[in-house]
Amino acid sequence: MVNISKVFATICLIAIITGCMPVQSDQVLSQPKGQQLVANVGGVVLKVKKTRDLPNVFGKADMFGRTVDEGYTELRYEGINKAGEVVFQLMDLDVYSDEDTLSRSGSHSNSNFNGSANQTFANVSGSSNTFVAANAHKQILPAHTSEFKVNFHKKPSIVVANQTIHILEADSVNLTYEIQ
């Protein structure tokens, strides 16, 4: 006879494991929004870190909320050229990773052994613990870097990594701006 409570518990466990959310990507802005900010020449104007959910064995998001690094986008202030244009350097770094919950955690096993011998009698027993390290592959792709210029008197706002940067003031040393 089938134990109904065990069948129900098994169905619930399968539903919980496979019912996780799908893997999603996220972008996190390092600077505050809605505040007046200042960047010096060579300073970071904007940095957006890119992550995605760590997939589990079923391809769904990790139930503990762990994430995988996917790189970042960074905008730096390079100064003003002779034409009065603001010069920026944009760097986009992508990271490829095949990490999942199993490869990140590794695996662990225990084993016990017993034995005996004759002639003068010996009895041997013991245990061993084995840990297999994670085997995920992570590759940092070459950074894509580009320089661009903006006439902020004609076009005071630019969009980088889905963030709108409003340039308030610029000189040869400082850029005053706001991320909206």
Protein backbone atom coordinates (compact mmCIF):
# COMPACT_ATOMS: atom_id res chain seq x y z
CA MET A 1 0.00 0.00 0.00
CA VAL A 2 1.27 3.47 -0.87
CA ASN A 3 1.89 5.88 1.97
CA ILE A 4 -0.10 8.97 0.90
CA SER A 5 1.83 11.36 3.14
CA LYS A 6 5.18 10.32 1.55
CA VAL A 7 3.76 10.77 -1.96
CA PHE A 8 2.37 14.19 -1.02
CA ALA A 9 5.69 15.23 0.57
CA THR A 10 7.59 14.11 -2.54
CA ILE A 11 5.25 16.07 -4.83
CA CYS A 12 5.62 19.16 -2.63
CA LEU A 13 9.40 18.84 -2.63
CA ILE A 14 9.51 18.54 -6.42
CA ALA A 15 7.22 21.58 -6.76
CA ILE A 16 9.44 23.63 -4.44
CA ILE A 17 12.66 22.68 -6.22
CA THR A 18 11.40 23.21 -9.76
CA GLY A 19 9.10 26.11 -8.93
CA CYS A 20 11.87 28.65 -8.41
CA MET A 21 11.88 31.89 -10.36
CA PRO A 22 13.53 32.06 -13.78
CA VAL A 23 17.10 33.35 -13.98
CA GLN A 24 17.14 37.13 -14.41
CA SER A 25 19.88 39.69 -15.04
CA ASP A 26 20.31 42.79 -12.92
CA GLN A 27 22.27 46.04 -13.09
CA VAL A 28 23.25 47.87 -9.91
CA LEU A 29 24.31 51.52 -10.02
CA SER A 30 27.23 52.39 -7.70
CA GLN A 31 26.47 56.13 -7.49
CA PRO A 32 23.39 57.70 -5.89
CA LYS A 33 20.59 59.03 -8.10
CA GLY A 34 19.06 62.49 -7.78
CA GLN A 35 22.08 64.12 -6.12
CA GLN A 36 24.61 66.60 -7.44
CA LEU A 37 27.89 64.73 -7.89
CA VAL A 38 31.42 65.79 -8.85
CA ALA A 39 34.04 63.78 -10.71
CA ASN A 40 37.64 64.90 -11.20
CA VAL A 41 39.59 64.24 -14.40
CA GLY A 42 40.03 60.47 -14.62
CA GLY A 43 37.33 59.94 -12.00
CA VAL A 44 34.38 57.59 -12.27
CA VAL A 45 31.15 59.30 -13.29
CA LEU A 46 29.08 56.14 -13.41
CA LYS A 47 29.63 52.47 -12.65
CA VAL A 48 26.98 49.83 -13.23
CA LYS A 49 27.70 46.30 -12.01
CA LYS A 50 26.04 43.54 -14.03
CA THR A 51 24.92 40.28 -12.40
CA ARG A 52 22.50 37.44 -13.03
CA ASP A 53 20.90 34.91 -10.76
CA LEU A 54 22.95 31.79 -10.08
CA PRO A 55 21.10 28.97 -11.84
CA ASN A 56 20.24 25.79 -9.98
CA VAL A 57 20.33 22.27 -11.41
CA PHE A 58 16.91 22.85 -13.05
CA GLY A 59 18.01 26.10 -14.75
CA LYS A 60 15.96 28.27 -12.38
CA ALA A 61 17.22 30.99 -10.01
CA ASP A 62 19.05 29.88 -6.86
CA MET A 63 16.63 29.83 -3.95
CA PHE A 64 19.21 31.52 -1.67
CA GLY A 65 19.55 34.59 -3.93
CA ARG A 66 23.17 34.00 -4.96
CA THR A 67 24.34 35.75 -8.12
CA VAL A 68 26.97 35.43 -10.85
CA ASP A 69 29.20 38.37 -11.84
CA GLU A 70 28.67 39.43 -15.47
CA GLY A 71 31.04 42.42 -15.49
CA TYR A 72 30.41 46.15 -15.38
CA THR A 73 30.04 49.34 -17.40
CA GLU A 74 32.09 52.34 -16.29
CA LEU A 75 32.11 55.95 -17.49
CA ARG A 76 35.07 58.21 -16.64
CA TYR A 77 35.50 61.98 -17.04
CA GLU A 78 38.55 62.81 -19.19
CA GLY A 79 38.25 66.61 -19.24
CA ILE A 80 37.33 69.22 -21.84
CA ASN A 81 38.90 69.50 -25.28
CA LYS A 82 39.79 72.76 -27.11
CA ALA A 83 36.35 72.85 -28.73
CA GLY A 84 34.72 72.97 -25.27
CA GLU A 85 33.34 69.44 -25.50
CA VAL A 86 33.25 67.15 -22.50
CA VAL A 87 35.39 64.07 -23.13
CA PHE A 88 34.37 60.72 -21.63
CA GLN A 89 35.90 57.27 -21.63
CA LEU A 90 33.43 54.38 -21.62
CA MET A 91 34.58 50.92 -20.61
CA ASP A 92 32.41 47.84 -20.84
CA LEU A 93 33.78 44.65 -19.30
CA ASP A 94 31.94 41.36 -19.78
CA VAL A 95 32.47 38.22 -17.73
CA TYR A 96 31.35 34.83 -18.99
CA SER A 97 30.69 32.16 -16.38
CA ASP A 98 29.06 28.74 -16.47
CA GLU A 99 28.68 28.66 -12.69
CA ASP A 100 25.64 27.02 -11.18
CA THR A 101 24.69 25.94 -7.68
CA LEU A 102 26.52 22.62 -8.00
CA SER A 103 29.74 23.96 -9.50
CA ARG A 104 29.99 26.79 -6.98
CA SER A 105 29.48 24.65 -3.90
CA GLY A 106 31.50 21.60 -4.90
CA SER A 107 30.58 18.24 -3.43
CA HIS A 108 31.32 16.43 -0.20
CA SER A 109 31.19 12.73 0.67
CA ASN A 110 31.87 10.65 3.77
CA SER A 111 32.89 6.99 3.85
CA ASN A 112 33.47 4.56 6.69
CA PHE A 113 35.49 1.37 6.63
CA ASN A 114 35.96 -1.58 8.97
CA GLY A 115 38.33 -4.51 8.78
CA SER A 116 39.86 -7.34 10.77
CA ALA A 117 42.93 -9.58 10.61
CA ASN A 118 43.99 -13.05 11.85
CA GLN A 119 47.13 -14.57 13.47
CA THR A 120 47.59 -12.04 16.28
CA PHE A 121 44.19 -10.40 15.89
CA ALA A 122 43.80 -6.83 14.72
CA ASN A 123 40.69 -4.80 14.14
CA VAL A 124 40.85 -1.68 12.01
CA SER A 125 38.17 0.91 11.49
CA GLY A 126 38.08 4.46 10.28
CA SER A 127 36.40 7.05 8.11
CA SER A 128 37.31 9.50 5.42
CA ASN A 129 35.90 12.76 4.16
CA THR A 130 36.29 13.78 0.53
CA PHE A 131 35.65 17.22 -0.90
CA VAL A 132 35.66 17.82 -4.63
CA ALA A 133 36.29 21.45 -5.47
CA ALA A 134 33.96 23.41 -7.72
CA ASN A 135 34.69 23.17 -11.43
CA ALA A 136 33.02 26.24 -12.93
CA HIS A 137 34.72 28.17 -15.72
CA LYS A 138 34.93 31.94 -15.62
CA GLN A 139 36.32 34.03 -18.45
CA ILE A 140 36.87 37.77 -18.34
CA LEU A 141 36.58 39.05 -21.89
CA PRO A 142 38.81 41.90 -23.07
CA ALA A 143 37.36 45.25 -22.04
CA HIS A 144 35.74 47.33 -24.74
CA THR A 145 36.90 50.93 -24.28
CA SER A 146 35.82 53.93 -26.30
CA GLU A 147 36.16 57.66 -26.01
CA PHE A 148 33.41 60.07 -26.97
CA LYS A 149 32.77 63.79 -26.78
CA VAL A 150 29.63 65.71 -25.84
CA ASN A 151 28.82 69.38 -26.37
CA PHE A 152 26.96 69.71 -23.08
CA HIS A 153 25.70 73.23 -23.94
CA LYS A 154 23.69 71.73 -26.82
CA LYS A 155 23.08 68.29 -25.31
CA PRO A 156 23.28 68.39 -21.50
CA SER A 157 22.08 64.80 -20.98
CA ILE A 158 23.46 61.46 -22.12
CA VAL A 159 22.28 57.90 -21.52
CA VAL A 160 24.80 55.23 -20.52
CA ALA A 161 23.84 51.73 -19.31
CA ASN A 162 20.18 52.78 -19.16
CA GLN A 163 21.07 55.66 -16.81
CA THR A 164 20.51 59.32 -17.73
CA ILE A 165 23.41 61.60 -16.78
CA HIS A 166 22.62 65.32 -16.73
CA ILE A 167 25.74 67.49 -17.01
CA LEU A 168 25.41 70.63 -14.88
CA GLU A 169 28.89 72.12 -15.25
CA ALA A 170 32.28 71.13 -16.61
CA ASP A 171 35.77 72.61 -16.59
CA SER A 172 39.27 71.31 -17.18
CA VAL A 173 39.39 69.67 -13.74
CA ASN A 174 35.85 68.82 -12.57
CA LEU A 175 32.55 67.60 -13.93
CA THR A 176 29.40 68.42 -11.96
CA TYR A 177 26.49 66.17 -12.86
CA GLU A 178 23.41 64.36 -11.67
CA ILE A 179 22.19 60.85 -12.43
CA GLN A 180 18.45 60.93 -12.96
